[in-house]
C-alpha atoms as a PDB file:
ATOM      1  CA  MET A   1     -11.786  30.629 -29.804  1.00  0.00           C
ATOM      2  CA  TYR A   2      -9.984  29.105 -32.865  1.00  0.00           C
ATOM      3  CA  GLY A   3     -12.897  29.354 -35.474  1.00  0.00           C
ATOM      4  CA  HIS A   4     -14.651  26.444 -34.340  1.00  0.00           C
ATOM      5  CA  ILE A   5     -17.807  25.933 -32.468  1.00  0.00           C
ATOM      6  CA  ARG A   6     -19.169  23.025 -30.532  1.00  0.00           C
ATOM      7  CA  ARG A   7     -21.618  22.131 -33.394  1.00  0.00           C
ATOM      8  CA  ASP A   8     -18.634  21.412 -35.652  1.00  0.00           C
ATOM      9  CA  ASN A   9     -17.882  18.192 -33.654  1.00  0.00           C
ATOM     10  CA  ILE A  10     -14.347  18.440 -34.239  1.00  0.00           C
ATOM     11  CA  ARG A  11     -12.202  16.016 -31.810  1.00  0.00           C
ATOM     12  CA  ASN A  12      -9.771  17.526 -29.380  1.00  0.00           C
ATOM     13  CA  LYS A  13      -6.914  15.652 -31.008  1.00  0.00           C
ATOM     14  CA  VAL A  14      -7.412  17.477 -34.420  1.00  0.00           C
ATOM     15  CA  ILE A  15      -7.483  20.902 -32.775  1.00  0.00           C
ATOM     16  CA  GLN A  16      -4.543  20.149 -30.551  1.00  0.00           C
ATOM     17  CA  ASN A  17      -2.558  18.780 -33.216  1.00  0.00           C
ATOM     18  CA  LYS A  18      -3.545  21.827 -35.524  1.00  0.00           C
ATOM     19  CA  GLU A  19      -2.446  24.188 -32.721  1.00  0.00           C
ATOM     20  CA  GLY A  20       0.607  22.439 -31.536  1.00  0.00           C
ATOM     21  CA  VAL A  21      -0.355  21.867 -27.999  1.00  0.00           C
ATOM     22  CA  ALA A  22       1.911  19.530 -26.066  1.00  0.00           C
ATOM     23  CA  PRO A  23       0.508  16.289 -24.933  1.00  0.00           C
ATOM     24  CA  VAL A  24      -0.540  16.047 -21.074  1.00  0.00           C
ATOM     25  CA  ASP A  25       1.477  12.909 -20.519  1.00  0.00           C
ATOM     26  CA  ASP A  26       4.643  14.918 -21.430  1.00  0.00           C
ATOM     27  CA  LYS A  27       3.670  17.817 -19.338  1.00  0.00           C
ATOM     28  CA  MET A  28       3.087  15.316 -16.265  1.00  0.00           C
ATOM     29  CA  ARG A  29       6.234  13.713 -16.848  1.00  0.00           C
ATOM     30  CA  ASP A  30       8.169  17.103 -16.956  1.00  0.00           C
ATOM     31  CA  VAL A  31       6.467  17.916 -13.582  1.00  0.00           C
ATOM     32  CA  LYS A  32       7.361  14.571 -11.993  1.00  0.00           C
ATOM     33  CA  LEU A  33      10.840  14.951 -13.081  1.00  0.00           C
ATOM     34  CA  ARG A  34      11.306  18.414 -11.794  1.00  0.00           C
ATOM     35  CA  TRP A  35       9.815  17.340  -8.441  1.00  0.00           C
ATOM     36  CA  ILE A  36      12.354  14.411  -8.056  1.00  0.00           C
ATOM     37  CA  GLY A  37      15.201  16.933  -8.758  1.00  0.00           C
ATOM     38  CA  HIS A  38      13.676  19.186  -6.114  1.00  0.00           C
ATOM     39  CA  VAL A  39      13.747  16.339  -3.560  1.00  0.00           C
ATOM     40  CA  LYS A  40      17.227  15.276  -4.506  1.00  0.00           C
ATOM     41  CA  ARG A  41      18.486  18.970  -3.814  1.00  0.00           C
ATOM     42  CA  ILE A  42      17.094  18.807  -0.345  1.00  0.00           C
ATOM     43  CA  CYS A  43      19.660  19.011   2.406  1.00  0.00           C
ATOM     44  CA  ALA A  44      20.399  15.640   4.052  1.00  0.00           C
ATOM     45  CA  TYR A  45      19.481  17.158   7.530  1.00  0.00           C
ATOM     46  CA  ALA A  46      15.924  18.435   6.319  1.00  0.00           C
ATOM     47  CA  SER A  47      13.050  17.131   8.234  1.00  0.00           C
ATOM     48  CA  VAL A  48      12.007  15.375   5.022  1.00  0.00           C
ATOM     49  CA  MET A  49      15.149  13.584   4.728  1.00  0.00           C
ATOM     50  CA  ARG A  50      15.182  12.677   8.233  1.00  0.00           C
ATOM     51  CA  CYS A  51      11.883  11.015   7.755  1.00  0.00           C
ATOM     52  CA  THR A  52      12.973   9.343   4.913  1.00  0.00           C
ATOM     53  CA  ARG A  53      16.016   7.942   6.801  1.00  0.00           C
ATOM     54  CA  LEU A  54      13.803   6.560   9.494  1.00  0.00           C
ATOM     55  CA  ALA A  55      11.391   5.045   7.288  1.00  0.00           C
ATOM     56  CA  VAL A  56      14.500   3.122   5.887  1.00  0.00           C
ATOM     57  CA  VAL A  57      15.807   2.170   9.080  1.00  0.00           C
ATOM     58  CA  ASP A  58      12.579   0.842  10.346  1.00  0.00           C
ATOM     59  CA  LEU A  59      12.159  -1.077   7.054  1.00  0.00           C
ATOM     60  CA  MET A  60      15.716  -2.590   7.570  1.00  0.00           C
ATOM     61  CA  ARG A  61      14.899  -3.234  11.205  1.00  0.00           C
ATOM     62  CA  GLY A  62      11.562  -4.989  10.160  1.00  0.00           C
ATOM     63  CA  ILE A  63      13.605  -7.179   7.684  1.00  0.00           C
ATOM     64  CA  ALA A  64      16.307  -8.046  10.223  1.00  0.00           C
ATOM     65  CA  GLU A  65      13.425  -9.107  12.712  1.00  0.00           C
ATOM     66  CA  GLY A  66      11.855 -11.251  10.080  1.00  0.00           C
ATOM     67  CA  LEU A  67      14.955 -12.908   9.380  1.00  0.00           C
ATOM     68  CA  SER A  68      15.690 -13.639  12.879  1.00  0.00           C
ATOM     69  CA  LYS A  69      12.228 -15.202  13.375  1.00  0.00           C
ATOM     70  CA  THR A  70      12.738 -17.481  10.477  1.00  0.00           C
ATOM     71  CA  THR A  71      16.282 -18.676  11.546  1.00  0.00           C
ATOM     72  CA  SER A  72      14.680 -19.379  14.899  1.00  0.00           C
ATOM     73  CA  ASN A  73      11.932 -21.183  13.590  1.00  0.00           C
ATOM     74  CA  PHE A  74      14.403 -23.265  11.559  1.00  0.00           C
ATOM     75  CA  SER A  75      16.749 -23.816  14.541  1.00  0.00           C
ATOM     76  CA  SER A  76      13.905 -25.293  16.487  1.00  0.00           C
ATOM     77  CA  ILE A  77      13.125 -27.942  13.980  1.00  0.00           C
END
């Protein structure tokens, strides 16, 4: 493909640097950032955002229940 065969035993890094191929880490970071931007643009009333809000409410409810249990335990002492 680039004038090399498997018997040449040239490392992938050498060929990638010579041909100017972008590192995989950079490509993965770009895809993640693009996905995060997509999620940020979703309407607040979309089903995904409703699930996110429910998860946050349940989390806060769980924290509040945990606090009330600890305060009741302290008041019984």
